[in-house]
């Protein structure tokens, strides 16, 4: 029939599955654990199964490979895990669950120290801002449903940021009956063309 494999040949998926079955007894068994050491390393004495291998690739750097893989935990690798959404508790839990040795105190301290500093500085997107010494006026603008499309967010009593660029902010605020002025990066009033 059309689309079937010629006689005597197997589809690629069947050939791959057959090859995997033949090679399986020759390959080391996958592990779900590693050995944590006090020098901020972990040794996987064989190939890790998928879940711990993916996690370790995120939270530690591979230092050497061979019959065993050595991973090194660094402030940058722990920060990478936190950036990816791991919490300090999740990191501690994963390490305790998958290590056949106790979690060393230096590693606990490293995770906690990096987590304590992680996210203290925040970076976001703002295309424009409103600045006004009259906090009540800013509160009024924030409460106006007609200004919702400007995606306004107060970041200080006298400062509101927006995802909209200054030209759009000026036009929309004027449509709302307000009289905003544009300002330069130095705070001087300017005219936008």
C-alpha atoms as a PDB file:
ATOM      1  CA  UNK A   1       0.000   0.000   0.000  1.00  0.00           C
ATOM      2  CA  UNK A   2       1.071   3.595  -0.524  1.00  0.00           C
ATOM      3  CA  UNK A   3       3.053   5.094   2.346  1.00  0.00           C
ATOM      4  CA  UNK A   4       4.164   1.766   3.869  1.00  0.00           C
ATOM      5  CA  UNK A   5       7.816   0.827   4.211  1.00  0.00           C
ATOM      6  CA  UNK A   6       9.343  -1.380   1.474  1.00  0.00           C
ATOM      7  CA  UNK A   7       9.465  -5.063   2.327  1.00  0.00           C
ATOM      8  CA  UNK A   8      12.378  -5.908   4.616  1.00  0.00           C
ATOM      9  CA  UNK A   9      12.808  -2.407   6.104  1.00  0.00           C
ATOM     10  CA  UNK A  10      11.394  -1.082   9.365  1.00  0.00           C
ATOM     11  CA  UNK A  11      10.249   2.481   9.989  1.00  0.00           C
ATOM     12  CA  UNK A  12      12.915   4.716  11.577  1.00  0.00           C
ATOM     13  CA  UNK A  13      11.162   4.790  14.973  1.00  0.00           C
ATOM     14  CA  UNK A  14      11.131   0.979  15.112  1.00  0.00           C
ATOM     15  CA  UNK A  15      14.821   0.822  14.176  1.00  0.00           C
ATOM     16  CA  UNK A  16      15.701   3.365  16.890  1.00  0.00           C
ATOM     17  CA  UNK A  17      13.668   1.487  19.516  1.00  0.00           C
ATOM     18  CA  UNK A  18      15.374  -1.753  18.514  1.00  0.00           C
ATOM     19  CA  UNK A  19      18.816  -0.166  18.716  1.00  0.00           C
ATOM     20  CA  UNK A  20      18.005   1.264  22.153  1.00  0.00           C
ATOM     21  CA  UNK A  21      16.951  -2.210  23.380  1.00  0.00           C
ATOM     22  CA  UNK A  22      20.175  -3.754  22.067  1.00  0.00           C
ATOM     23  CA  UNK A  23      22.392  -1.057  23.629  1.00  0.00           C
ATOM     24  CA  UNK A  24      20.570  -0.826  26.983  1.00  0.00           C
ATOM     25  CA  UNK A  25      22.492  -3.682  28.674  1.00  0.00           C
ATOM     26  CA  UNK A  26      25.784  -2.090  27.596  1.00  0.00           C
ATOM     27  CA  UNK A  27      25.038   1.392  28.990  1.00  0.00           C
ATOM     28  CA  UNK A  28      25.204   2.406  32.647  1.00  0.00           C
ATOM     29  CA  UNK A  29      21.893   2.673  34.441  1.00  0.00           C
ATOM     30  CA  UNK A  30      20.536   6.193  34.876  1.00  0.00           C
ATOM     31  CA  UNK A  31      20.643   7.559  38.412  1.00  0.00           C
ATOM     32  CA  UNK A  32      18.287   9.832  40.294  1.00  0.00           C
ATOM     33  CA  UNK A  33      20.905  10.935  42.813  1.00  0.00           C
ATOM     34  CA  UNK A  34      24.272  12.604  43.267  1.00  0.00           C
ATOM     35  CA  UNK A  35      26.744  13.137  46.090  1.00  0.00           C
ATOM     36  CA  UNK A  36      27.033  16.661  47.493  1.00  0.00           C
ATOM     37  CA  UNK A  37      30.448  17.689  48.818  1.00  0.00           C
ATOM     38  CA  UNK A  38      31.562  20.478  51.149  1.00  0.00           C
ATOM     39  CA  UNK A  39      33.576  22.202  48.381  1.00  0.00           C
ATOM     40  CA  UNK A  40      30.349  23.298  46.613  1.00  0.00           C
ATOM     41  CA  UNK A  41      30.473  20.418  44.146  1.00  0.00           C
ATOM     42  CA  UNK A  42      28.224  17.471  43.447  1.00  0.00           C
ATOM     43  CA  UNK A  43      29.343  14.212  41.883  1.00  0.00           C
ATOM     44  CA  UNK A  44      26.919  12.183  39.810  1.00  0.00           C
ATOM     45  CA  UNK A  45      28.540   8.723  39.775  1.00  0.00           C
ATOM     46  CA  UNK A  46      26.766   7.878  36.525  1.00  0.00           C
ATOM     47  CA  UNK A  47      24.355   9.444  34.042  1.00  0.00           C
ATOM     48  CA  UNK A  48      21.492  11.251  35.752  1.00  0.00           C
ATOM     49  CA  UNK A  49      17.914  10.551  34.745  1.00  0.00           C
ATOM     50  CA  UNK A  50      16.087  13.331  32.947  1.00  0.00           C
ATOM     51  CA  UNK A  51      14.547  15.349  35.815  1.00  0.00           C
ATOM     52  CA  UNK A  52      17.642  15.635  38.027  1.00  0.00           C
ATOM     53  CA  UNK A  53      19.880  16.149  34.962  1.00  0.00           C
ATOM     54  CA  UNK A  54      17.776  19.083  33.752  1.00  0.00           C
ATOM     55  CA  UNK A  55      17.664  20.621  37.213  1.00  0.00           C
ATOM     56  CA  UNK A  56      21.405  20.227  37.773  1.00  0.00           C
ATOM     57  CA  UNK A  57      22.142  21.783  34.358  1.00  0.00           C
ATOM     58  CA  UNK A  58      20.260  24.848  35.599  1.00  0.00           C
ATOM     59  CA  UNK A  59      21.442  25.150  39.197  1.00  0.00           C
ATOM     60  CA  UNK A  60      25.095  24.131  38.809  1.00  0.00           C
ATOM     61  CA  UNK A  61      27.851  24.279  36.194  1.00  0.00           C
ATOM     62  CA  UNK A  62      29.443  21.118  34.819  1.00  0.00           C
ATOM     63  CA  UNK A  63      33.066  21.091  35.892  1.00  0.00           C
ATOM     64  CA  UNK A  64      34.081  17.744  34.376  1.00  0.00           C
ATOM     65  CA  UNK A  65      32.551  14.769  32.607  1.00  0.00           C
ATOM     66  CA  UNK A  66      33.557  11.171  32.260  1.00  0.00           C
ATOM     67  CA  UNK A  67      32.384   8.076  34.107  1.00  0.00           C
ATOM     68  CA  UNK A  68      31.109  10.563  36.677  1.00  0.00           C
ATOM     69  CA  UNK A  69      30.001  14.151  36.214  1.00  0.00           C
ATOM     70  CA  UNK A  70      31.187  16.851  38.601  1.00  0.00           C
ATOM     71  CA  UNK A  71      28.927  19.876  39.031  1.00  0.00           C
ATOM     72  CA  UNK A  72      29.975  23.113  40.747  1.00  0.00           C
ATOM     73  CA  UNK A  73      27.548  25.426  42.530  1.00  0.00           C
ATOM     74  CA  UNK A  74      28.388  29.124  42.193  1.00  0.00           C
ATOM     75  CA  UNK A  75      26.569  32.358  42.991  1.00  0.00           C
ATOM     76  CA  UNK A  76      25.885  32.715  39.235  1.00  0.00           C
ATOM     77  CA  UNK A  77      24.439  29.205  38.912  1.00  0.00           C
ATOM     78  CA  UNK A  78      22.183  29.633  41.953  1.00  0.00           C
ATOM     79  CA  UNK A  79      21.072  33.038  40.611  1.00  0.00           C
ATOM     80  CA  UNK A  80      20.294  31.361  37.268  1.00  0.00           C
ATOM     81  CA  UNK A  81      17.969  28.934  39.090  1.00  0.00           C
ATOM     82  CA  UNK A  82      16.281  31.778  40.979  1.00  0.00           C
ATOM     83  CA  UNK A  83      15.890  33.718  37.713  1.00  0.00           C
ATOM     84  CA  UNK A  84      14.189  30.634  36.241  1.00  0.00           C
ATOM     85  CA  UNK A  85      11.612  30.683  39.042  1.00  0.00           C
ATOM     86  CA  UNK A  86      13.059  28.324  41.644  1.00  0.00           C
ATOM     87  CA  UNK A  87      12.507  29.387  45.242  1.00  0.00           C
ATOM     88  CA  UNK A  88      15.182  28.902  47.915  1.00  0.00           C
ATOM     89  CA  UNK A  89      12.942  26.270  49.561  1.00  0.00           C
ATOM     90  CA  UNK A  90      12.574  24.400  46.253  1.00  0.00           C
ATOM     91  CA  UNK A  91      16.366  24.428  45.777  1.00  0.00           C
ATOM     92  CA  UNK A  92      16.976  23.153  49.314  1.00  0.00           C
ATOM     93  CA  UNK A  93      14.293  20.494  48.836  1.00  0.00           C
ATOM     94  CA  UNK A  94      15.677  19.293  45.509  1.00  0.00           C
ATOM     95  CA  UNK A  95      19.218  19.036  46.877  1.00  0.00           C
ATOM     96  CA  UNK A  96      18.109  17.153  50.002  1.00  0.00           C
ATOM     97  CA  UNK A  97      15.885  14.802  47.999  1.00  0.00           C
ATOM     98  CA  UNK A  98      18.458  13.856  45.361  1.00  0.00           C
ATOM     99  CA  UNK A  99      21.675  13.808  47.392  1.00  0.00           C
ATOM    100  CA  UNK A 100      22.852  10.582  48.992  1.00  0.00           C
ATOM    101  CA  UNK A 101      25.010  12.686  51.302  1.00  0.00           C
ATOM    102  CA  UNK A 102      23.814  15.407  53.712  1.00  0.00           C
ATOM    103  CA  UNK A 103      23.545  18.886  52.225  1.00  0.00           C
ATOM    104  CA  UNK A 104      26.773  20.645  53.278  1.00  0.00           C
ATOM    105  CA  UNK A 105      26.470  23.846  55.262  1.00  0.00           C
ATOM    106  CA  UNK A 106      28.474  25.911  52.708  1.00  0.00           C
ATOM    107  CA  UNK A 107      25.919  25.014  50.004  1.00  0.00           C
ATOM    108  CA  UNK A 108      22.992  25.908  52.264  1.00  0.00           C
ATOM    109  CA  UNK A 109      24.690  29.245  53.016  1.00  0.00           C
ATOM    110  CA  UNK A 110      25.363  29.868  49.307  1.00  0.00           C
ATOM    111  CA  UNK A 111      21.714  29.303  48.339  1.00  0.00           C
ATOM    112  CA  UNK A 112      20.442  31.460  51.219  1.00  0.00           C
ATOM    113  CA  UNK A 113      22.941  34.259  50.573  1.00  0.00           C
ATOM    114  CA  UNK A 114      22.213  34.477  46.849  1.00  0.00           C
ATOM    115  CA  UNK A 115      18.449  34.279  47.510  1.00  0.00           C
ATOM    116  CA  UNK A 116      18.633  37.089  50.071  1.00  0.00           C
ATOM    117  CA  UNK A 117      20.166  39.431  47.472  1.00  0.00           C
ATOM    118  CA  UNK A 118      18.177  38.148  44.476  1.00  0.00           C
ATOM    119  CA  UNK A 119      15.561  40.579  43.226  1.00  0.00           C
ATOM    120  CA  UNK A 120      16.426  43.470  45.526  1.00  0.00           C
ATOM    121  CA  UNK A 121      16.984  45.531  42.391  1.00  0.00           C
ATOM    122  CA  UNK A 122      14.084  45.266  39.975  1.00  0.00           C
ATOM    123  CA  UNK A 123      14.192  45.924  36.245  1.00  0.00           C
ATOM    124  CA  UNK A 124      11.058  46.560  34.235  1.00  0.00           C
ATOM    125  CA  UNK A 125       9.810  48.318  31.167  1.00  0.00           C
ATOM    126  CA  UNK A 126       8.512  51.866  31.165  1.00  0.00           C
ATOM    127  CA  UNK A 127       8.187  53.858  27.989  1.00  0.00           C
ATOM    128  CA  UNK A 128       7.044  57.028  29.693  1.00  0.00           C
ATOM    129  CA  UNK A 129       6.323  58.498  33.100  1.00  0.00           C
ATOM    130  CA  UNK A 130       4.182  61.101  34.826  1.00  0.00           C
ATOM    131  CA  UNK A 131       5.712  63.232  37.543  1.00  0.00           C
ATOM    132  CA  UNK A 132       3.611  65.558  39.652  1.00  0.00           C
ATOM    133  CA  UNK A 133       4.052  67.161  43.064  1.00  0.00           C
ATOM    134  CA  UNK A 134       0.252  66.950  43.513  1.00  0.00           C
ATOM    135  CA  UNK A 135      -0.213  63.361  44.708  1.00  0.00           C
ATOM    136  CA  UNK A 136      -4.006  63.759  44.612  1.00  0.00           C
ATOM    137  CA  UNK A 137      -3.898  64.603  40.886  1.00  0.00           C
ATOM    138  CA  UNK A 138      -1.850  61.477  40.163  1.00  0.00           C
ATOM    139  CA  UNK A 139      -4.326  59.432  42.215  1.00  0.00           C
ATOM    140  CA  UNK A 140      -7.172  60.908  40.145  1.00  0.00           C
ATOM    141  CA  UNK A 141      -5.435  59.986  36.865  1.00  0.00           C
ATOM    142  CA  UNK A 142      -4.763  56.437  38.131  1.00  0.00           C
ATOM    143  CA  UNK A 143      -8.424  56.032  39.098  1.00  0.00           C
ATOM    144  CA  UNK A 144      -9.769  57.289  35.739  1.00  0.00           C
ATOM    145  CA  UNK A 145     -11.027  54.260  33.758  1.00  0.00           C
ATOM    146  CA  UNK A 146     -10.396  56.154  30.517  1.00  0.00           C
ATOM    147  CA  UNK A 147      -6.645  56.004  31.276  1.00  0.00           C
ATOM    148  CA  UNK A 148      -6.528  52.182  31.642  1.00  0.00           C
ATOM    149  CA  UNK A 149      -4.963  51.665  28.197  1.00  0.00           C
ATOM    150  CA  UNK A 150      -1.944  53.688  29.340  1.00  0.00           C
ATOM    151  CA  UNK A 151      -1.026  50.891  31.808  1.00  0.00           C
ATOM    152  CA  UNK A 152      -0.179  53.335  34.571  1.00  0.00           C
ATOM    153  CA  UNK A 153       1.571  52.170  37.744  1.00  0.00           C
ATOM    154  CA  UNK A 154       2.592  54.292  40.708  1.00  0.00           C
ATOM    155  CA  UNK A 155       6.197  53.693  41.762  1.00  0.00           C
ATOM    156  CA  UNK A 156       6.508  56.605  44.200  1.00  0.00           C
ATOM    157  CA  UNK A 157       4.053  59.093  45.713  1.00  0.00           C
ATOM    158  CA  UNK A 158       4.787  61.625  42.947  1.00  0.00           C
ATOM    159  CA  UNK A 159       5.781  59.309  40.052  1.00  0.00           C
ATOM    160  CA  UNK A 160       3.688  57.057  37.813  1.00  0.00           C
ATOM    161  CA  UNK A 161       5.160  54.996  34.969  1.00  0.00           C
ATOM    162  CA  UNK A 162       3.480  53.822  31.791  1.00  0.00           C
ATOM    163  CA  UNK A 163       4.094  51.382  28.987  1.00  0.00           C
ATOM    164  CA  UNK A 164       3.060  54.133  26.574  1.00  0.00           C
ATOM    165  CA  UNK A 165       5.682  56.499  25.128  1.00  0.00           C
ATOM    166  CA  UNK A 166       5.632  60.188  26.096  1.00  0.00           C
ATOM    167  CA  UNK A 167       3.887  61.331  22.882  1.00  0.00           C
ATOM    168  CA  UNK A 168       0.962  58.946  23.520  1.00  0.00           C
ATOM    169  CA  UNK A 169       0.826  59.889  27.213  1.00  0.00           C
ATOM    170  CA  UNK A 170       0.629  63.565  26.327  1.00  0.00           C
ATOM    171  CA  UNK A 171      -2.109  63.044  23.735  1.00  0.00           C
ATOM    172  CA  UNK A 172      -4.254  60.737  25.936  1.00  0.00           C
ATOM    173  CA  UNK A 173      -3.929  62.944  29.009  1.00  0.00           C
ATOM    174  CA  UNK A 174      -4.933  65.976  26.944  1.00  0.00           C
ATOM    175  CA  UNK A 175      -7.963  64.000  25.671  1.00  0.00           C
ATOM    176  CA  UNK A 176      -8.869  63.472  29.328  1.00  0.00           C
ATOM    177  CA  UNK A 177      -8.906  67.240  29.838  1.00  0.00           C
ATOM    178  CA  UNK A 178      -5.555  67.511  31.581  1.00  0.00           C
ATOM    179  CA  UNK A 179      -2.717  69.865  30.661  1.00  0.00           C
ATOM    180  CA  UNK A 180       0.530  67.880  30.828  1.00  0.00           C
ATOM    181  CA  UNK A 181       3.903  69.176  29.670  1.00  0.00           C
ATOM    182  CA  UNK A 182       6.787  67.094  28.348  1.00  0.00           C
ATOM    183  CA  UNK A 183      10.118  67.190  30.131  1.00  0.00           C
ATOM    184  CA  UNK A 184      13.695  66.329  29.227  1.00  0.00           C
ATOM    185  CA  UNK A 185      15.817  63.763  31.048  1.00  0.00           C
ATOM    186  CA  UNK A 186      17.125  66.670  33.148  1.00  0.00           C
ATOM    187  CA  UNK A 187      13.604  67.777  34.117  1.00  0.00           C
ATOM    188  CA  UNK A 188      13.336  70.847  31.876  1.00  0.00           C
ATOM    189  CA  UNK A 189      10.021  71.457  30.094  1.00  0.00           C
ATOM    190  CA  UNK A 190      10.360  70.738  26.367  1.00  0.00           C
ATOM    191  CA  UNK A 191       8.145  70.792  23.320  1.00  0.00           C
ATOM    192  CA  UNK A 192       7.604  67.488  21.533  1.00  0.00           C
ATOM    193  CA  UNK A 193       7.038  67.791  17.794  1.00  0.00           C
END
